[in-house]
C-alpha atoms as a PDB file:
ATOM      1  CA  MET A   1     -12.571 -24.202   4.700  1.00  0.00           C
ATOM      2  CA  ALA A   2     -10.008 -22.063   6.470  1.00  0.00           C
ATOM      3  CA  ALA A   3      -6.785 -21.165   4.704  1.00  0.00           C
ATOM      4  CA  ALA A   4      -3.468 -20.676   6.427  1.00  0.00           C
ATOM      5  CA  ALA A   5      -1.481 -17.489   6.029  1.00  0.00           C
ATOM      6  CA  ALA A   6      -0.015 -17.278   2.566  1.00  0.00           C
ATOM      7  CA  VAL A   7       3.548 -16.786   1.428  1.00  0.00           C
ATOM      8  CA  VAL A   8       3.351 -14.020  -1.185  1.00  0.00           C
ATOM      9  CA  THR A   9       5.952 -13.211  -3.809  1.00  0.00           C
ATOM     10  CA  THR A  10       5.886 -10.239  -6.146  1.00  0.00           C
ATOM     11  CA  THR A  11       7.413 -10.073  -9.600  1.00  0.00           C
ATOM     12  CA  ALA A  12       7.994  -6.764 -11.369  1.00  0.00           C
ATOM     13  CA  PHE A  13       7.700  -6.593 -15.134  1.00  0.00           C
ATOM     14  CA  VAL A  14      11.294  -5.481 -15.708  1.00  0.00           C
ATOM     15  CA  ALA A  15      13.817  -7.180 -17.980  1.00  0.00           C
ATOM     16  CA  PRO A  16      17.326  -7.870 -16.585  1.00  0.00           C
ATOM     17  CA  VAL A  17      20.023  -5.288 -17.334  1.00  0.00           C
ATOM     18  CA  ASN A  18      21.903  -7.716 -19.601  1.00  0.00           C
ATOM     19  CA  ALA A  19      18.766  -9.048 -21.359  1.00  0.00           C
ATOM     20  CA  THR A  20      18.701  -9.504 -25.100  1.00  0.00           C
ATOM     21  CA  ALA A  21      16.489  -7.255 -27.195  1.00  0.00           C
ATOM     22  CA  SER A  22      13.989 -10.101 -27.741  1.00  0.00           C
ATOM     23  CA  ALA A  23      13.817 -10.879 -23.996  1.00  0.00           C
ATOM     24  CA  THR A  24      13.215  -7.206 -23.236  1.00  0.00           C
ATOM     25  CA  ALA A  25      10.485  -7.094 -25.912  1.00  0.00           C
ATOM     26  CA  ARG A  26       8.791 -10.201 -24.434  1.00  0.00           C
ATOM     27  CA  THR A  27       8.873  -8.682 -20.940  1.00  0.00           C
ATOM     28  CA  ALA A  28       7.375  -5.457 -22.284  1.00  0.00           C
ATOM     29  CA  ALA A  29       4.673  -7.423 -24.135  1.00  0.00           C
ATOM     30  CA  VAL A  30       3.641  -9.250 -20.945  1.00  0.00           C
ATOM     31  CA  ALA A  31       3.569  -5.985 -19.009  1.00  0.00           C
ATOM     32  CA  ASP A  32       1.561  -4.254 -21.741  1.00  0.00           C
ATOM     33  CA  ALA A  33      -0.931  -7.124 -21.822  1.00  0.00           C
ATOM     34  CA  ALA A  34      -1.370  -6.877 -18.047  1.00  0.00           C
ATOM     35  CA  ALA A  35      -1.803  -3.117 -18.172  1.00  0.00           C
ATOM     36  CA  SER A  36      -4.376  -3.333 -20.956  1.00  0.00           C
ATOM     37  CA  ASN A  37      -6.496  -5.900 -19.128  1.00  0.00           C
ATOM     38  CA  PRO A  38     -10.003  -4.410 -19.453  1.00  0.00           C
ATOM     39  CA  VAL A  39     -11.065  -5.777 -16.079  1.00  0.00           C
ATOM     40  CA  LYS A  40      -8.187  -4.134 -14.231  1.00  0.00           C
ATOM     41  CA  GLY A  41      -7.834  -1.019 -16.422  1.00  0.00           C
ATOM     42  CA  GLY A  42      -4.867   1.340 -16.314  1.00  0.00           C
ATOM     43  CA  ASN A  43      -2.081   1.982 -18.778  1.00  0.00           C
ATOM     44  CA  ASN A  44       1.058   2.319 -16.672  1.00  0.00           C
ATOM     45  CA  ARG A  45       2.819  -1.038 -16.861  1.00  0.00           C
ATOM     46  CA  ASP A  46       5.170  -0.085 -14.021  1.00  0.00           C
ATOM     47  CA  ASP A  47       2.204  -0.198 -11.610  1.00  0.00           C
ATOM     48  CA  TRP A  48       1.386  -3.863 -12.297  1.00  0.00           C
ATOM     49  CA  ARG A  49       2.864  -6.878 -10.523  1.00  0.00           C
ATOM     50  CA  LEU A  50       2.392 -10.615 -10.704  1.00  0.00           C
ATOM     51  CA  ARG A  51       1.718 -11.878  -7.182  1.00  0.00           C
ATOM     52  CA  THR A  52       1.769 -15.539  -6.258  1.00  0.00           C
ATOM     53  CA  ALA A  53       1.008 -17.343  -3.022  1.00  0.00           C
ATOM     54  CA  GLU A  54       0.575 -20.854  -1.671  1.00  0.00           C
ATOM     55  CA  PHE A  55      -2.526 -21.654   0.360  1.00  0.00           C
ATOM     56  CA  LEU A  56      -3.003 -24.755   2.507  1.00  0.00           C
ATOM     57  CA  GLY A  57      -6.296 -26.570   2.787  1.00  0.00           C
ATOM     58  CA  VAL A  58      -7.603 -28.034   6.036  1.00  0.00           C
ATOM     59  CA  SER A  59      -5.701 -31.067   7.294  1.00  0.00           C
ATOM     60  CA  ALA A  60      -7.822 -34.252   7.370  1.00  0.00           C
ATOM     61  CA  VAL A  61      -7.238 -37.527   9.219  1.00  0.00           C
ATOM     62  CA  VAL A  62      -7.250 -40.580   6.936  1.00  0.00           C
ATOM     63  CA  PRO A  63      -8.145 -43.706   8.964  1.00  0.00           C
ATOM     64  CA  MET A  64      -6.562 -47.056   8.029  1.00  0.00           C
ATOM     65  CA  ASN A  65      -7.971 -48.715   4.879  1.00  0.00           C
ATOM     66  CA  THR A  66     -10.003 -45.658   3.859  1.00  0.00           C
ATOM     67  CA  THR A  67      -9.845 -43.092   1.074  1.00  0.00           C
ATOM     68  CA  GLN A  68     -10.111 -39.355   1.743  1.00  0.00           C
ATOM     69  CA  THR A  69     -10.319 -36.326  -0.568  1.00  0.00           C
ATOM     70  CA  VAL A  70      -8.881 -32.980   0.557  1.00  0.00           C
ATOM     71  CA  SER A  71      -8.807 -29.647  -1.239  1.00  0.00           C
ATOM     72  CA  ALA A  72      -7.452 -26.102  -1.099  1.00  0.00           C
ATOM     73  CA  ARG A  73      -8.978 -23.073  -2.856  1.00  0.00           C
ATOM     74  CA  CYS A  74      -7.545 -19.871  -4.315  1.00  0.00           C
ATOM     75  CA  PRO A  75      -9.032 -16.567  -3.130  1.00  0.00           C
ATOM     76  CA  SER A  76     -11.415 -14.742  -5.459  1.00  0.00           C
ATOM     77  CA  ARG A  77      -9.790 -12.794  -8.313  1.00  0.00           C
ATOM     78  CA  THR A  78      -6.840 -15.210  -8.432  1.00  0.00           C
ATOM     79  CA  GLU A  79      -6.048 -18.168 -10.669  1.00  0.00           C
ATOM     80  CA  VAL A  80      -4.635 -21.611  -9.946  1.00  0.00           C
ATOM     81  CA  THR A  81      -1.093 -22.077 -11.252  1.00  0.00           C
ATOM     82  CA  GLY A  82      -0.332 -25.410  -9.583  1.00  0.00           C
ATOM     83  CA  GLY A  83      -0.785 -27.504  -6.515  1.00  0.00           C
ATOM     84  CA  GLY A  84       0.244 -30.485  -4.480  1.00  0.00           C
ATOM     85  CA  PHE A  85      -0.083 -32.065  -1.055  1.00  0.00           C
ATOM     86  CA  VAL A  86       1.444 -32.626   2.373  1.00  0.00           C
ATOM     87  CA  LEU A  87       1.231 -36.134   3.864  1.00  0.00           C
ATOM     88  CA  SER A  88       2.180 -37.079   7.424  1.00  0.00           C
ATOM     89  CA  SER A  89       2.801 -40.789   6.762  1.00  0.00           C
ATOM     90  CA  SER A  90       4.279 -43.046   4.091  1.00  0.00           C
ATOM     91  CA  ASP A  91       1.147 -45.201   4.516  1.00  0.00           C
ATOM     92  CA  LEU A  92      -0.821 -42.565   2.612  1.00  0.00           C
ATOM     93  CA  HIS A  93      -0.790 -43.169  -1.138  1.00  0.00           C
ATOM     94  CA  VAL A  94      -1.888 -40.441  -3.557  1.00  0.00           C
ATOM     95  CA  LEU A  95      -4.547 -41.624  -6.001  1.00  0.00           C
ATOM     96  CA  THR A  96      -5.141 -38.243  -7.691  1.00  0.00           C
ATOM     97  CA  SER A  97      -3.694 -34.748  -7.414  1.00  0.00           C
ATOM     98  CA  GLN A  98      -5.264 -32.256  -9.823  1.00  0.00           C
ATOM     99  CA  ARG A  99      -6.773 -28.858 -10.457  1.00  0.00           C
ATOM    100  CA  SER A 100     -10.425 -28.627  -9.546  1.00  0.00           C
ATOM    101  CA  GLY A 101     -12.248 -25.386 -10.377  1.00  0.00           C
ATOM    102  CA  ASN A 102     -10.330 -22.564  -8.689  1.00  0.00           C
ATOM    103  CA  GLY A 103      -8.409 -24.903  -6.405  1.00  0.00           C
ATOM    104  CA  TRP A 104      -6.527 -28.166  -6.031  1.00  0.00           C
ATOM    105  CA  THR A 105      -7.969 -31.546  -4.987  1.00  0.00           C
ATOM    106  CA  VAL A 106      -6.045 -34.573  -3.733  1.00  0.00           C
ATOM    107  CA  THR A 107      -7.408 -38.056  -3.071  1.00  0.00           C
ATOM    108  CA  VAL A 108      -5.345 -40.363  -0.835  1.00  0.00           C
ATOM    109  CA  ARG A 109      -5.701 -43.895   0.524  1.00  0.00           C
ATOM    110  CA  ASN A 110      -4.339 -45.116   3.843  1.00  0.00           C
ATOM    111  CA  ILE A 111      -2.959 -48.617   3.218  1.00  0.00           C
ATOM    112  CA  GLY A 112      -2.181 -49.105   6.935  1.00  0.00           C
ATOM    113  CA  GLY A 113       0.815 -50.711   8.574  1.00  0.00           C
ATOM    114  CA  SER A 114       2.190 -47.634  10.329  1.00  0.00           C
ATOM    115  CA  THR A 115       2.376 -46.991  14.032  1.00  0.00           C
ATOM    116  CA  LEU A 116       1.047 -43.476  13.345  1.00  0.00           C
ATOM    117  CA  THR A 117      -2.580 -43.729  14.512  1.00  0.00           C
ATOM    118  CA  SER A 118      -3.909 -40.556  12.849  1.00  0.00           C
ATOM    119  CA  PRO A 119      -2.080 -39.865   9.576  1.00  0.00           C
ATOM    120  CA  THR A 120      -3.158 -36.626   7.890  1.00  0.00           C
ATOM    121  CA  ALA A 121      -3.376 -35.309   4.343  1.00  0.00           C
ATOM    122  CA  ARG A 122      -3.546 -31.678   3.236  1.00  0.00           C
ATOM    123  CA  ALA A 123      -3.881 -30.106  -0.215  1.00  0.00           C
ATOM    124  CA  VAL A 124      -1.745 -27.133  -1.270  1.00  0.00           C
ATOM    125  CA  VAL A 125      -2.665 -24.709  -4.065  1.00  0.00           C
ATOM    126  CA  GLU A 126      -0.482 -22.097  -5.802  1.00  0.00           C
ATOM    127  CA  CYS A 127      -2.434 -18.988  -6.839  1.00  0.00           C
ATOM    128  CA  ALA A 128      -1.530 -15.939  -8.924  1.00  0.00           C
ATOM    129  CA  ALA A 129      -3.006 -12.550  -9.766  1.00  0.00           C
ATOM    130  CA  ILE A 130      -1.879  -9.505 -11.715  1.00  0.00           C
ATOM    131  CA  VAL A 131      -2.416  -6.574  -9.379  1.00  0.00           C
ATOM    132  CA  ARG A 132      -1.579  -2.913  -8.996  1.00  0.00           C
ATOM    133  CA  ASP A 133       1.610  -2.301  -7.031  1.00  0.00           C
ATOM    134  CA  ASN A 134      -0.305  -1.201  -3.927  1.00  0.00           C
ATOM    135  CA  ASN A 135      -3.088  -3.779  -4.214  1.00  0.00           C
ATOM    136  CA  ASN A 136      -3.725  -6.372  -1.557  1.00  0.00           C
ATOM    137  CA  TRP A 137      -5.503  -9.511  -2.633  1.00  0.00           C
END
């Protein structure tokens, strides 16, 4: 399955300037936990970032009166944080939308009635990874 280009956001482990002492301590604890991850290694919490991205699965046509399952997968070394779907017609009804392994799976049914002859469904998955500042995933 091909994935579309991802929208990537990066979050630094830094508490806001006006943060309370407990909020600052929680931010530091998260950063320390990321830096002490034995798989990633390293001890400088300023080098670690939480990166998230949305990936789209392949669009599939759902013929009238049929059910179709579509999915989207996270790249290796990332984790699923959520997901959803994109539907091209109100005739498509979502039966399930859920995490499946390291991705997101959606099952839809075309109940018909639309003038749209080829309605499509596509799964969307949100993925995250804790990476070094200069790391590409």
